[in-house]
Amino acid sequence: MGGRKLPLVVLVCLVLAMLPSGAGTVAVMSVDLGSEWMKVAIVKPGVPMEIVLNKESRRKTPIAVCLKENERLLGDSALGVSVKTPKTVYRHLQSLLGKKHNNLQVALYQKRFPEHQLLEHPVRGTVYFKNS
């Protein structure tokens, strides 16, 4: 960065730092994304932390995705489909994120879910699902 632009950048940063912030009136959302379940909580000023209920009025939602023809289902709806068509429902995906095809977690996943075909990406070496 040039020497002439530095004072301008510093001035802009100081002005932005002195602007009043609405941080005292902002709600914050937190997401607990586990390997099997997901929870969402909201924290508002002056209100105790509240765990958000899903559409089934439950506090936790299963992490499951169903990719069936032109249909996309998530959570409990996807798990309901997994009884009839387990090949279309993907669960426990976090254990595979960023893993190479030769990782022990990938082998364990294939053992637990033999209905899914995991392939190795030719460039990255990570896994991906073959979805028919």
C-alpha atoms as a PDB file:
ATOM      1  CA  MET A   1       0.000   0.000   0.000  1.00  0.00           C
ATOM      2  CA  GLY A   2       1.403   3.410  -0.909  1.00  0.00           C
ATOM      3  CA  GLY A   3       2.483   5.906   1.734  1.00  0.00           C
ATOM      4  CA  ARG A   4      -0.106   8.467   0.594  1.00  0.00           C
ATOM      5  CA  LYS A   5      -3.064   6.109   1.070  1.00  0.00           C
ATOM      6  CA  LEU A   6      -2.105   4.985   4.574  1.00  0.00           C
ATOM      7  CA  PRO A   7      -3.319   8.137   6.429  1.00  0.00           C
ATOM      8  CA  LEU A   8      -6.652   7.937   4.594  1.00  0.00           C
ATOM      9  CA  VAL A   9      -7.097   4.273   5.536  1.00  0.00           C
ATOM     10  CA  VAL A  10      -6.247   5.031   9.171  1.00  0.00           C
ATOM     11  CA  LEU A  11      -8.730   7.922   9.208  1.00  0.00           C
ATOM     12  CA  VAL A  12     -11.510   5.740   7.766  1.00  0.00           C
ATOM     13  CA  CYS A  13     -10.792   3.017  10.346  1.00  0.00           C
ATOM     14  CA  LEU A  14     -10.930   5.539  13.204  1.00  0.00           C
ATOM     15  CA  VAL A  15     -14.219   7.011  11.983  1.00  0.00           C
ATOM     16  CA  LEU A  16     -15.746   3.536  11.645  1.00  0.00           C
ATOM     17  CA  ALA A  17     -14.524   2.581  15.118  1.00  0.00           C
ATOM     18  CA  MET A  18     -16.212   5.634  16.664  1.00  0.00           C
ATOM     19  CA  LEU A  19     -19.589   5.035  15.037  1.00  0.00           C
ATOM     20  CA  PRO A  20     -22.215   3.802  17.486  1.00  0.00           C
ATOM     21  CA  SER A  21     -22.845   0.111  17.173  1.00  0.00           C
ATOM     22  CA  GLY A  22     -26.117  -1.688  17.664  1.00  0.00           C
ATOM     23  CA  ALA A  23     -24.367  -4.627  19.322  1.00  0.00           C
ATOM     24  CA  GLY A  24     -26.523  -4.249  22.430  1.00  0.00           C
ATOM     25  CA  THR A  25     -29.705  -4.846  20.452  1.00  0.00           C
ATOM     26  CA  VAL A  26     -28.597  -7.625  18.139  1.00  0.00           C
ATOM     27  CA  ALA A  27     -29.678 -11.243  18.478  1.00  0.00           C
ATOM     28  CA  VAL A  28     -27.024 -13.909  17.977  1.00  0.00           C
ATOM     29  CA  MET A  29     -27.643 -17.337  16.501  1.00  0.00           C
ATOM     30  CA  SER A  30     -25.432 -20.315  17.272  1.00  0.00           C
ATOM     31  CA  VAL A  31     -25.407 -23.622  15.418  1.00  0.00           C
ATOM     32  CA  ASP A  32     -24.247 -26.864  17.033  1.00  0.00           C
ATOM     33  CA  LEU A  33     -23.511 -29.095  14.067  1.00  0.00           C
ATOM     34  CA  GLY A  34     -22.662 -32.572  15.287  1.00  0.00           C
ATOM     35  CA  SER A  35     -22.151 -35.716  13.282  1.00  0.00           C
ATOM     36  CA  GLU A  36     -25.663 -37.013  13.942  1.00  0.00           C
ATOM     37  CA  TRP A  37     -27.750 -34.084  15.241  1.00  0.00           C
ATOM     38  CA  MET A  38     -27.996 -30.318  14.822  1.00  0.00           C
ATOM     39  CA  LYS A  39     -29.257 -27.711  17.277  1.00  0.00           C
ATOM     40  CA  VAL A  40     -29.790 -23.987  16.802  1.00  0.00           C
ATOM     41  CA  ALA A  41     -29.950 -21.485  19.661  1.00  0.00           C
ATOM     42  CA  ILE A  42     -30.746 -17.770  19.778  1.00  0.00           C
ATOM     43  CA  VAL A  43     -29.424 -15.308  22.348  1.00  0.00           C
ATOM     44  CA  LYS A  44     -31.081 -11.886  22.641  1.00  0.00           C
ATOM     45  CA  PRO A  45     -30.208  -9.105  25.087  1.00  0.00           C
ATOM     46  CA  GLY A  46     -32.233  -9.441  28.279  1.00  0.00           C
ATOM     47  CA  VAL A  47     -33.676 -12.835  27.288  1.00  0.00           C
ATOM     48  CA  PRO A  48     -32.333 -16.240  28.364  1.00  0.00           C
ATOM     49  CA  MET A  49     -30.781 -18.407  25.672  1.00  0.00           C
ATOM     50  CA  GLU A  50     -33.444 -20.223  23.695  1.00  0.00           C
ATOM     51  CA  ILE A  51     -33.032 -23.405  21.648  1.00  0.00           C
ATOM     52  CA  VAL A  52     -35.023 -23.135  18.426  1.00  0.00           C
ATOM     53  CA  LEU A  53     -37.656 -25.786  17.716  1.00  0.00           C
ATOM     54  CA  ASN A  54     -37.805 -27.393  14.274  1.00  0.00           C
ATOM     55  CA  LYS A  55     -41.034 -27.914  12.321  1.00  0.00           C
ATOM     56  CA  GLU A  56     -41.700 -31.124  14.296  1.00  0.00           C
ATOM     57  CA  SER A  57     -41.398 -29.064  17.546  1.00  0.00           C
ATOM     58  CA  ARG A  58     -38.170 -30.797  18.527  1.00  0.00           C
ATOM     59  CA  ARG A  59     -35.009 -29.180  19.837  1.00  0.00           C
ATOM     60  CA  LYS A  60     -32.623 -31.259  17.764  1.00  0.00           C
ATOM     61  CA  THR A  61     -32.762 -32.146  14.094  1.00  0.00           C
ATOM     62  CA  PRO A  62     -31.091 -35.192  12.568  1.00  0.00           C
ATOM     63  CA  ILE A  63     -28.418 -34.437  10.000  1.00  0.00           C
ATOM     64  CA  ALA A  64     -29.682 -36.346   6.986  1.00  0.00           C
ATOM     65  CA  VAL A  65     -30.131 -35.432   3.333  1.00  0.00           C
ATOM     66  CA  CYS A  66     -32.327 -37.288   0.853  1.00  0.00           C
ATOM     67  CA  LEU A  67     -31.627 -36.802  -2.861  1.00  0.00           C
ATOM     68  CA  LYS A  68     -34.385 -38.677  -4.660  1.00  0.00           C
ATOM     69  CA  GLU A  69     -35.132 -37.830  -8.305  1.00  0.00           C
ATOM     70  CA  ASN A  70     -36.328 -34.186  -8.206  1.00  0.00           C
ATOM     71  CA  GLU A  71     -36.989 -34.244  -4.467  1.00  0.00           C
ATOM     72  CA  ARG A  72     -34.744 -32.889  -1.688  1.00  0.00           C
ATOM     73  CA  LEU A  73     -35.568 -33.760   1.914  1.00  0.00           C
ATOM     74  CA  LEU A  74     -33.732 -32.826   5.100  1.00  0.00           C
ATOM     75  CA  GLY A  75     -33.783 -33.960   8.716  1.00  0.00           C
ATOM     76  CA  ASP A  76     -36.655 -36.112   9.956  1.00  0.00           C
ATOM     77  CA  SER A  77     -38.266 -36.187   6.512  1.00  0.00           C
ATOM     78  CA  ALA A  78     -35.096 -37.673   5.025  1.00  0.00           C
ATOM     79  CA  LEU A  79     -34.834 -40.270   7.786  1.00  0.00           C
ATOM     80  CA  GLY A  80     -38.406 -41.349   7.090  1.00  0.00           C
ATOM     81  CA  VAL A  81     -37.482 -42.092   3.478  1.00  0.00           C
ATOM     82  CA  SER A  82     -34.353 -44.012   4.514  1.00  0.00           C
ATOM     83  CA  VAL A  83     -36.452 -47.012   5.589  1.00  0.00           C
ATOM     84  CA  LYS A  84     -37.725 -47.610   2.040  1.00  0.00           C
ATOM     85  CA  THR A  85     -34.838 -46.277  -0.055  1.00  0.00           C
ATOM     86  CA  PRO A  86     -31.610 -46.122   1.988  1.00  0.00           C
ATOM     87  CA  LYS A  87     -29.496 -45.443  -1.123  1.00  0.00           C
ATOM     88  CA  THR A  88     -31.026 -41.982  -1.460  1.00  0.00           C
ATOM     89  CA  VAL A  89     -30.367 -40.834   2.125  1.00  0.00           C
ATOM     90  CA  TYR A  90     -26.960 -39.610   3.287  1.00  0.00           C
ATOM     91  CA  ARG A  91     -26.140 -39.443   7.012  1.00  0.00           C
ATOM     92  CA  HIS A  92     -23.074 -38.880   9.208  1.00  0.00           C
ATOM     93  CA  LEU A  93     -21.467 -36.755   6.504  1.00  0.00           C
ATOM     94  CA  GLN A  94     -19.231 -34.745   8.823  1.00  0.00           C
ATOM     95  CA  SER A  95     -16.960 -37.719   9.356  1.00  0.00           C
ATOM     96  CA  LEU A  96     -16.099 -37.571   5.635  1.00  0.00           C
ATOM     97  CA  LEU A  97     -15.455 -33.839   5.228  1.00  0.00           C
ATOM     98  CA  GLY A  98     -11.980 -33.230   3.837  1.00  0.00           C
ATOM     99  CA  LYS A  99     -10.922 -36.862   4.197  1.00  0.00           C
ATOM    100  CA  LYS A 100      -8.805 -38.610   1.588  1.00  0.00           C
ATOM    101  CA  HIS A 101     -10.178 -41.787   0.028  1.00  0.00           C
ATOM    102  CA  ASN A 102      -7.592 -43.949   1.852  1.00  0.00           C
ATOM    103  CA  ASN A 103      -8.531 -42.566   5.309  1.00  0.00           C
ATOM    104  CA  LEU A 104      -9.707 -45.020   7.986  1.00  0.00           C
ATOM    105  CA  GLN A 105     -12.855 -42.928   8.559  1.00  0.00           C
ATOM    106  CA  VAL A 106     -13.834 -43.494   4.927  1.00  0.00           C
ATOM    107  CA  ALA A 107     -13.388 -47.254   5.286  1.00  0.00           C
ATOM    108  CA  LEU A 108     -15.492 -47.209   8.466  1.00  0.00           C
ATOM    109  CA  TYR A 109     -18.199 -45.199   6.697  1.00  0.00           C
ATOM    110  CA  GLN A 110     -18.293 -47.694   3.824  1.00  0.00           C
ATOM    111  CA  LYS A 111     -18.613 -50.530   6.322  1.00  0.00           C
ATOM    112  CA  ARG A 112     -21.473 -48.798   8.186  1.00  0.00           C
ATOM    113  CA  PHE A 113     -23.300 -47.690   5.040  1.00  0.00           C
ATOM    114  CA  PRO A 114     -22.619 -50.285   2.309  1.00  0.00           C
ATOM    115  CA  GLU A 115     -25.514 -48.955   0.221  1.00  0.00           C
ATOM    116  CA  HIS A 116     -23.449 -45.871  -0.727  1.00  0.00           C
ATOM    117  CA  GLN A 117     -20.695 -45.968  -3.299  1.00  0.00           C
ATOM    118  CA  LEU A 118     -17.779 -43.682  -2.376  1.00  0.00           C
ATOM    119  CA  LEU A 119     -15.348 -42.779  -5.123  1.00  0.00           C
ATOM    120  CA  GLU A 120     -12.019 -40.967  -5.093  1.00  0.00           C
ATOM    121  CA  HIS A 121     -11.839 -37.547  -6.722  1.00  0.00           C
ATOM    122  CA  PRO A 122      -9.100 -37.781  -9.387  1.00  0.00           C
ATOM    123  CA  VAL A 123      -7.468 -34.425  -8.558  1.00  0.00           C
ATOM    124  CA  ARG A 124      -8.019 -33.857  -4.829  1.00  0.00           C
ATOM    125  CA  GLY A 125      -8.034 -37.462  -3.664  1.00  0.00           C
ATOM    126  CA  THR A 126     -11.045 -36.777  -1.432  1.00  0.00           C
ATOM    127  CA  VAL A 127     -14.230 -38.837  -1.490  1.00  0.00           C
ATOM    128  CA  TYR A 128     -17.496 -38.187  -3.241  1.00  0.00           C
ATOM    129  CA  PHE A 129     -20.737 -40.129  -3.548  1.00  0.00           C
ATOM    130  CA  LYS A 130     -21.861 -41.757  -6.757  1.00  0.00           C
ATOM    131  CA  ASN A 131     -25.561 -40.971  -6.872  1.00  0.00           C
ATOM    132  CA  SER A 132     -27.537 -42.843  -9.515  1.00  0.00           C
END
